[in-house]
Amino acid sequence: MSGRLTMEEIARLAGVSKATVSRVVNGKDGVGEKKRRQIQNLLDELKYDTDSNLPTMAARMRLKTIGLIIPDITNPFFGEMARVIGTRLNEKGYSLILGDSLFSVRTEGKWIQDFVSKKVDGIIIAPVGDHPSEDFSLMEKFHVPCIFLDNYLEDVPNCGIVTTDNELAVYMACEYFVNSGVDKIAFIGGKGKSKVAADRLKGYHTALTQFGIPFEKELVRSGDYTVDSGYRAILEMESAGIQYSAVICANDLMALGVMNALKELSYRIPDDVQVMGYDNIFFSQYMAPALSTIQHPIIEMGRTAADLMLQAVEEKAEIYPFVKLKTRLLLRQTTR
């Protein structure tokens, strides 16, 4: 799609004939009220110039603006990711505008609508669901390049993906604990049905099966990536009399909550219970004791996502790669 749309293209987007669009543009009768409002809304969205019969849809290359949608700006993982992406884009003369979906599919969709209407050059998004809402079709409809970050959806065309091997990461954590003699491993995963949450849980299941450890559903808890949810998960297991000697958390914030609860319960870390986080956010090394964690390559992920977006925008790439980066265990003081 070029920077200017013809009336024929407007008609195709609206699913009507060119004559119907012409009637609306020229204020003539013969169009139902509902259809007229639909067409007029599209014309307004595209800032169609009714005087010249040419839409003044700004060429995206001139805007040099990228939209970024993340689930929680207060989470240090996403805050650092936004900083890395913004820095990389700025180096290339692009600006970044940020949207916080608050882990809401509906809010995420509103940000997509907003960014498309602002004619951003592209959208980088860490989606919160497990399937695309109708709003995702806007990016394809208006040829807005898209890069999925961390989590991703499988049924969205023309979108690149930058993620990590989440399944393998949790498998490695389980393997470490098994090799240290642990057979009661609790797992506190993430909320919802996202690809990331599902893959990490799958890694846990796979490891238990591989090492001949029976699966106990009582050892699996679902958190919302906050300190409080990790804290509550431990108290729930404790009140239910569930035995565990290691805990793997889907992020470092929940691991911090786990550590706080264990301390209140007079458990010694790591002598009584070992703890493994996920992400390696900047202050994980300063926790007391220092948190062992799965290192998420935040800087590499952010730079890769930014570079792929710039390639899509500037080179008008039609092939969007799937990039899966490696993680590794960082063993500190919460493991033996």
Protein backbone atom coordinates (compact mmCIF):
# COMPACT_ATOMS: atom_id res chain seq x y z
CA MET A 1 0.00 0.00 0.00
CA SER A 2 1.45 3.34 -0.99
CA GLY A 3 1.34 6.52 1.03
CA ARG A 4 -1.78 7.65 -0.88
CA LEU A 5 -4.89 5.53 -1.35
CA THR A 6 -7.20 5.68 -4.33
CA MET A 7 -10.97 5.70 -3.98
CA GLU A 8 -10.93 2.11 -5.27
CA GLU A 9 -8.68 1.10 -2.37
CA ILE A 10 -10.94 2.89 0.10
CA ALA A 11 -13.89 0.95 -1.34
CA ARG A 12 -12.00 -2.35 -1.01
CA LEU A 13 -11.13 -1.64 2.62
CA ALA A 14 -14.77 -0.82 3.35
CA GLY A 15 -16.10 -3.79 1.38
CA VAL A 16 -18.28 -1.63 -0.87
CA SER A 17 -18.26 -0.33 -4.42
CA LYS A 18 -16.36 2.74 -5.56
CA ALA A 19 -19.69 4.38 -6.39
CA THR A 20 -20.87 3.94 -2.79
CA VAL A 21 -17.73 5.61 -1.46
CA SER A 22 -18.17 8.42 -3.98
CA ARG A 23 -21.73 9.04 -2.76
CA VAL A 24 -20.53 9.35 0.84
CA VAL A 25 -17.60 11.60 -0.10
CA ASN A 26 -19.85 13.89 -2.13
CA GLY A 27 -22.74 13.88 0.37
CA LYS A 28 -25.22 12.24 -1.99
CA ASP A 29 -28.18 10.03 -1.10
CA GLY A 30 -28.50 6.34 -1.86
CA VAL A 31 -26.42 4.93 1.03
CA GLY A 32 -27.93 3.45 4.20
CA GLU A 33 -27.17 5.29 7.44
CA LYS A 34 -25.26 2.40 8.99
CA LYS A 35 -23.11 1.89 5.89
CA ARG A 36 -22.61 5.65 5.55
CA ARG A 37 -21.28 5.86 9.14
CA GLN A 38 -18.96 2.91 8.52
CA ILE A 39 -17.49 4.49 5.40
CA GLN A 40 -17.24 7.94 6.98
CA ASN A 41 -15.41 6.49 9.99
CA LEU A 42 -12.89 4.87 7.65
CA LEU A 43 -12.45 8.12 5.71
CA ASP A 44 -11.89 9.99 8.96
CA GLU A 45 -9.42 7.38 10.17
CA LEU A 46 -7.40 7.70 6.96
CA LYS A 47 -7.74 11.51 6.95
CA TYR A 48 -9.18 11.36 3.45
CA ASP A 49 -9.05 14.71 1.67
CA THR A 50 -12.53 15.10 0.15
CA ASP A 51 -11.49 18.21 -1.78
CA SER A 52 -8.82 16.50 -3.84
CA ASN A 53 -10.30 12.97 -3.62
CA LEU A 54 -6.90 11.84 -2.42
CA PRO A 55 -6.30 10.50 1.09
CA THR A 56 -3.61 12.36 2.95
CA MET A 57 -2.35 9.23 4.67
CA ALA A 58 1.15 10.22 5.77
CA ALA A 59 3.93 8.10 4.37
CA ARG A 60 5.12 5.95 7.24
CA MET A 61 8.78 6.34 6.28
CA ARG A 62 8.51 10.08 7.03
CA LEU A 63 7.06 9.61 10.50
CA LYS A 64 9.93 7.48 11.80
CA THR A 65 7.90 6.39 14.83
CA ILE A 66 7.52 2.87 16.25
CA GLY A 67 4.83 1.79 18.71
CA LEU A 68 5.66 -0.60 21.55
CA ILE A 69 2.94 -2.41 23.51
CA ILE A 70 3.99 -4.22 26.69
CA PRO A 71 1.87 -5.87 29.41
CA ASP A 72 3.22 -4.07 32.48
CA ILE A 73 5.53 -1.06 32.48
CA THR A 74 6.08 -1.43 36.24
CA ASN A 75 7.69 -4.85 35.72
CA PRO A 76 11.48 -4.28 35.55
CA PHE A 77 11.79 -6.85 32.75
CA PHE A 78 9.52 -4.89 30.42
CA GLY A 79 10.81 -1.54 31.62
CA GLU A 80 14.36 -2.52 30.71
CA MET A 81 13.16 -3.97 27.40
CA ALA A 82 11.48 -0.67 26.52
CA ARG A 83 14.66 1.23 27.38
CA VAL A 84 16.81 -1.01 25.15
CA ILE A 85 14.39 -0.80 22.22
CA GLY A 86 13.99 2.96 22.55
CA THR A 87 17.75 3.49 22.67
CA ARG A 88 18.31 1.34 19.59
CA LEU A 89 15.60 3.08 17.59
CA ASN A 90 16.85 6.51 18.64
CA GLU A 91 20.30 5.63 17.32
CA LYS A 92 18.67 5.21 13.91
CA GLY A 93 16.64 8.40 14.10
CA TYR A 94 13.33 6.84 15.16
CA SER A 95 11.07 7.72 18.07
CA LEU A 96 9.27 5.25 20.33
CA ILE A 97 5.76 5.62 21.71
CA LEU A 98 4.75 3.26 24.48
CA GLY A 99 1.48 1.56 25.36
CA ASP A 100 0.84 -0.46 28.53
CA SER A 101 -1.78 -3.18 27.97
CA LEU A 102 -2.04 -3.96 31.71
CA PHE A 103 -2.32 -7.66 30.80
CA SER A 104 -5.69 -6.88 29.19
CA VAL A 105 -6.56 -8.14 25.70
CA ARG A 106 -9.10 -5.33 25.36
CA THR A 107 -6.60 -2.62 26.34
CA GLU A 108 -4.02 -4.18 24.03
CA GLY A 109 -6.50 -3.93 21.16
CA LYS A 110 -7.16 -0.27 21.91
CA TRP A 111 -3.43 0.46 21.73
CA ILE A 112 -3.23 -1.29 18.35
CA GLN A 113 -6.11 0.85 17.09
CA ASP A 114 -4.48 3.98 18.45
CA PHE A 115 -1.08 3.26 16.93
CA VAL A 116 -2.53 2.35 13.53
CA SER A 117 -4.59 5.54 13.50
CA LYS A 118 -1.45 7.52 14.38
CA LYS A 119 0.22 6.00 11.29
CA VAL A 120 3.21 4.57 13.15
CA ASP A 121 5.80 2.92 10.94
CA GLY A 122 5.53 -0.37 12.82
CA ILE A 123 4.41 -2.00 16.06
CA ILE A 124 6.46 -4.15 18.44
CA ILE A 125 4.18 -6.00 20.83
CA ALA A 126 4.44 -8.47 23.70
CA PRO A 127 0.92 -9.93 23.40
CA VAL A 128 -0.97 -11.06 26.48
CA GLY A 129 -3.33 -13.69 25.07
CA ASP A 130 -3.03 -17.00 23.27
CA HIS A 131 -4.87 -16.00 20.09
CA PRO A 132 -5.21 -12.73 18.18
CA SER A 133 -8.14 -10.42 18.71
CA GLU A 134 -9.81 -8.76 15.72
CA ASP A 135 -7.67 -5.68 16.27
CA PHE A 136 -4.57 -7.53 15.07
CA SER A 137 -6.04 -7.63 11.56
CA LEU A 138 -5.66 -3.83 11.40
CA MET A 139 -1.88 -4.22 11.09
CA GLU A 140 -2.24 -6.47 8.07
CA LYS A 141 -5.06 -4.36 6.63
CA PHE A 142 -2.99 -1.18 6.69
CA HIS A 143 0.37 -2.87 6.05
CA VAL A 144 1.87 -1.99 9.42
CA PRO A 145 4.91 -4.22 10.15
CA CYS A 146 4.68 -6.16 13.41
CA ILE A 147 7.27 -7.84 15.61
CA PHE A 148 6.20 -10.09 18.49
CA LEU A 149 8.40 -9.80 21.55
CA ASP A 150 8.84 -12.59 24.13
CA ASN A 151 5.32 -14.01 23.92
CA TYR A 152 3.88 -14.53 20.44
CA LEU A 153 0.74 -15.56 18.59
CA GLU A 154 0.83 -18.21 15.88
CA ASP A 155 -2.08 -17.14 13.69
CA VAL A 156 -1.03 -13.62 12.73
CA PRO A 157 0.46 -13.20 9.23
CA ASN A 158 3.38 -10.92 8.42
CA CYS A 159 4.73 -10.72 11.96
CA GLY A 160 8.29 -11.40 13.05
CA ILE A 161 9.02 -13.10 16.35
CA VAL A 162 11.81 -12.58 18.90
CA THR A 163 11.58 -14.95 21.83
CA THR A 164 13.57 -17.48 23.86
CA ASP A 165 13.34 -21.23 24.33
CA ASN A 166 11.11 -21.04 27.40
CA GLU A 167 10.50 -24.77 27.51
CA LEU A 168 14.20 -25.61 27.52
CA ALA A 169 14.94 -22.94 30.13
CA VAL A 170 12.60 -24.44 32.73
CA TYR A 171 13.74 -27.94 31.78
CA MET A 172 17.34 -26.91 32.57
CA ALA A 173 16.28 -25.52 35.94
CA CYS A 174 14.51 -28.78 36.81
CA GLU A 175 17.51 -30.78 35.62
CA TYR A 176 19.78 -28.77 37.91
CA PHE A 177 17.62 -29.48 40.95
CA VAL A 178 17.25 -33.18 40.11
CA ASN A 179 21.02 -33.51 39.77
CA SER A 180 21.38 -31.94 43.22
CA GLY A 181 19.11 -34.60 44.71
CA VAL A 182 15.77 -32.75 44.74
CA ASP A 183 12.60 -34.61 43.79
CA LYS A 184 9.96 -32.24 45.20
CA ILE A 185 10.08 -29.28 42.81
CA ALA A 186 7.31 -26.69 42.94
CA PHE A 187 6.58 -24.52 39.91
CA ILE A 188 4.89 -21.11 40.06
CA GLY A 189 3.94 -20.22 36.50
CA GLY A 190 2.42 -17.19 34.85
CA LYS A 191 -1.18 -16.19 34.42
CA GLY A 192 -3.37 -16.88 31.41
CA LYS A 193 -2.82 -19.11 28.42
CA SER A 194 0.04 -17.29 26.73
CA LYS A 195 2.59 -19.18 24.65
CA VAL A 196 5.32 -18.24 27.12
CA ALA A 197 3.38 -19.53 30.14
CA ALA A 198 2.42 -22.74 28.32
CA ASP A 199 5.98 -23.46 27.16
CA ARG A 200 7.46 -22.96 30.62
CA LEU A 201 4.91 -25.31 32.15
CA LYS A 202 5.62 -27.79 29.36
CA GLY A 203 9.32 -27.65 30.23
CA TYR A 204 8.44 -28.52 33.81
CA HIS A 205 6.26 -31.46 32.74
CA THR A 206 8.87 -32.73 30.27
CA ALA A 207 11.66 -32.66 32.85
CA LEU A 208 9.65 -34.56 35.46
CA THR A 209 8.77 -37.22 32.90
CA GLN A 210 12.35 -37.43 31.65
CA PHE A 211 13.73 -37.93 35.16
CA GLY A 212 11.03 -40.29 36.35
CA ILE A 213 9.50 -37.92 38.92
CA PRO A 214 5.72 -38.25 39.41
CA PHE A 215 3.75 -35.13 38.53
CA GLU A 216 1.89 -33.64 41.51
CA LYS A 217 -0.59 -30.96 40.53
CA GLU A 218 -0.47 -29.54 44.07
CA LEU A 219 3.10 -28.42 43.36
CA VAL A 220 2.02 -26.25 40.41
CA ARG A 221 0.69 -22.78 41.15
CA SER A 222 -0.36 -19.90 38.91
CA GLY A 223 0.79 -16.39 39.71
CA ASP A 224 0.41 -13.01 38.02
CA TYR A 225 4.11 -12.12 37.84
CA THR A 226 3.95 -9.97 40.99
CA VAL A 227 5.81 -10.27 44.29
CA ASP A 228 2.52 -10.78 46.11
CA SER A 229 1.47 -13.75 43.96
CA GLY A 230 4.72 -15.57 44.70
CA TYR A 231 4.29 -14.86 48.39
CA ARG A 232 0.71 -16.15 48.41
CA ALA A 233 1.61 -19.31 46.47
CA ILE A 234 4.00 -20.41 49.21
CA LEU A 235 1.51 -19.66 51.98
CA GLU A 236 -1.16 -21.66 50.13
CA MET A 237 1.10 -24.69 49.74
CA GLU A 238 2.22 -24.39 53.33
CA SER A 239 -1.33 -24.25 54.68
CA ALA A 240 -2.21 -27.31 52.58
CA GLY A 241 0.72 -29.25 54.03
CA ILE A 242 2.43 -29.66 50.65
CA GLN A 243 6.08 -30.72 50.83
CA TYR A 244 8.67 -29.14 48.50
CA SER A 245 12.41 -28.57 48.60
CA ALA A 246 12.87 -26.36 45.52
CA VAL A 247 10.74 -23.71 43.82
CA ILE A 248 11.02 -22.51 40.21
CA CYS A 249 9.27 -19.21 39.47
CA ALA A 250 8.22 -17.81 36.09
CA ASN A 251 9.84 -14.49 36.92
CA ASP A 252 12.12 -12.89 39.49
CA LEU A 253 9.40 -10.79 41.11
CA MET A 254 7.46 -13.90 42.10
CA ALA A 255 10.73 -15.45 43.31
CA LEU A 256 11.20 -12.45 45.61
CA GLY A 257 7.73 -13.07 47.04
CA VAL A 258 8.60 -16.74 47.51
CA MET A 259 11.76 -15.81 49.41
CA ASN A 260 9.88 -13.40 51.66
CA ALA A 261 7.32 -16.07 52.53
CA LEU A 262 9.96 -18.72 53.18
CA LYS A 263 11.81 -16.39 55.54
CA GLU A 264 8.61 -15.66 57.47
CA LEU A 265 8.07 -19.41 57.78
CA SER A 266 11.62 -19.78 59.15
CA TYR A 267 12.91 -21.79 56.18
CA ARG A 268 16.59 -21.40 55.43
CA ILE A 269 17.44 -20.57 51.81
CA PRO A 270 18.97 -22.60 50.20
CA ASP A 271 19.54 -25.18 52.97
CA ASP A 272 15.87 -26.04 53.44
CA VAL A 273 14.38 -24.77 50.18
CA GLN A 274 16.16 -23.73 47.00
CA VAL A 275 14.71 -20.97 44.78
CA MET A 276 15.16 -20.26 41.06
CA GLY A 277 13.79 -17.14 39.37
CA TYR A 278 13.43 -16.21 35.71
CA ASP A 279 14.57 -13.05 33.84
CA ASN A 280 17.65 -11.85 35.77
CA ILE A 281 16.22 -8.38 36.35
CA PHE A 282 18.82 -5.88 37.52
CA PHE A 283 18.20 -6.16 41.28
CA SER A 284 18.02 -9.98 41.46
CA GLN A 285 21.70 -10.06 42.30
CA TYR A 286 21.10 -7.69 45.24
CA MET A 287 18.38 -9.76 46.92
CA ALA A 288 19.30 -11.36 50.23
CA PRO A 289 20.38 -14.00 49.49
CA ALA A 290 21.29 -13.23 45.86
CA LEU A 291 18.76 -14.91 43.58
CA SER A 292 19.70 -17.77 41.27
CA THR A 293 17.76 -17.24 38.06
CA ILE A 294 17.32 -18.09 34.41
CA GLN A 295 18.97 -15.29 32.48
CA HIS A 296 16.64 -13.75 29.92
CA PRO A 297 18.77 -12.05 27.22
CA ILE A 298 16.91 -8.75 27.64
CA ILE A 299 19.42 -6.54 25.85
CA GLU A 300 19.84 -8.94 22.93
CA MET A 301 16.07 -9.40 22.63
CA GLY A 302 15.39 -5.68 22.59
CA ARG A 303 18.09 -4.87 20.06
CA THR A 304 17.07 -7.77 17.83
CA ALA A 305 13.41 -6.71 17.87
CA ALA A 306 14.36 -3.12 17.05
CA ASP A 307 16.70 -4.18 14.24
CA LEU A 308 14.09 -6.49 12.69
CA MET A 309 11.53 -3.69 12.80
CA LEU A 310 13.91 -1.23 11.15
CA GLN A 311 14.63 -3.81 8.46
CA ALA A 312 10.91 -4.33 7.86
CA VAL A 313 10.25 -0.59 7.65
CA GLU A 314 13.25 0.58 5.66
CA GLU A 315 13.72 -2.41 3.38
CA LYS A 316 10.01 -3.23 3.17
CA ALA A 317 10.85 -6.82 4.04
CA GLU A 318 8.14 -9.35 3.24
CA ILE A 319 9.75 -12.27 5.08
CA TYR A 320 9.60 -11.99 8.85
CA PRO A 321 12.03 -14.23 10.75
CA PHE A 322 11.44 -16.31 13.86
CA VAL A 323 14.34 -15.65 16.25
CA LYS A 324 14.72 -17.88 19.31
CA LEU A 325 17.50 -16.71 21.62
CA LYS A 326 19.30 -18.81 24.22
CA THR A 327 18.93 -18.58 27.99
CA ARG A 328 21.26 -19.84 30.71
CA LEU A 329 21.20 -20.55 34.43
CA LEU A 330 22.82 -18.00 36.73
CA LEU A 331 23.60 -19.78 39.99
CA ARG A 332 23.92 -17.51 42.99
CA GLN A 333 23.05 -17.93 46.67
CA THR A 334 19.50 -19.35 46.57
CA THR A 335 20.67 -22.69 45.14
CA ARG A 336 23.22 -25.19 46.37
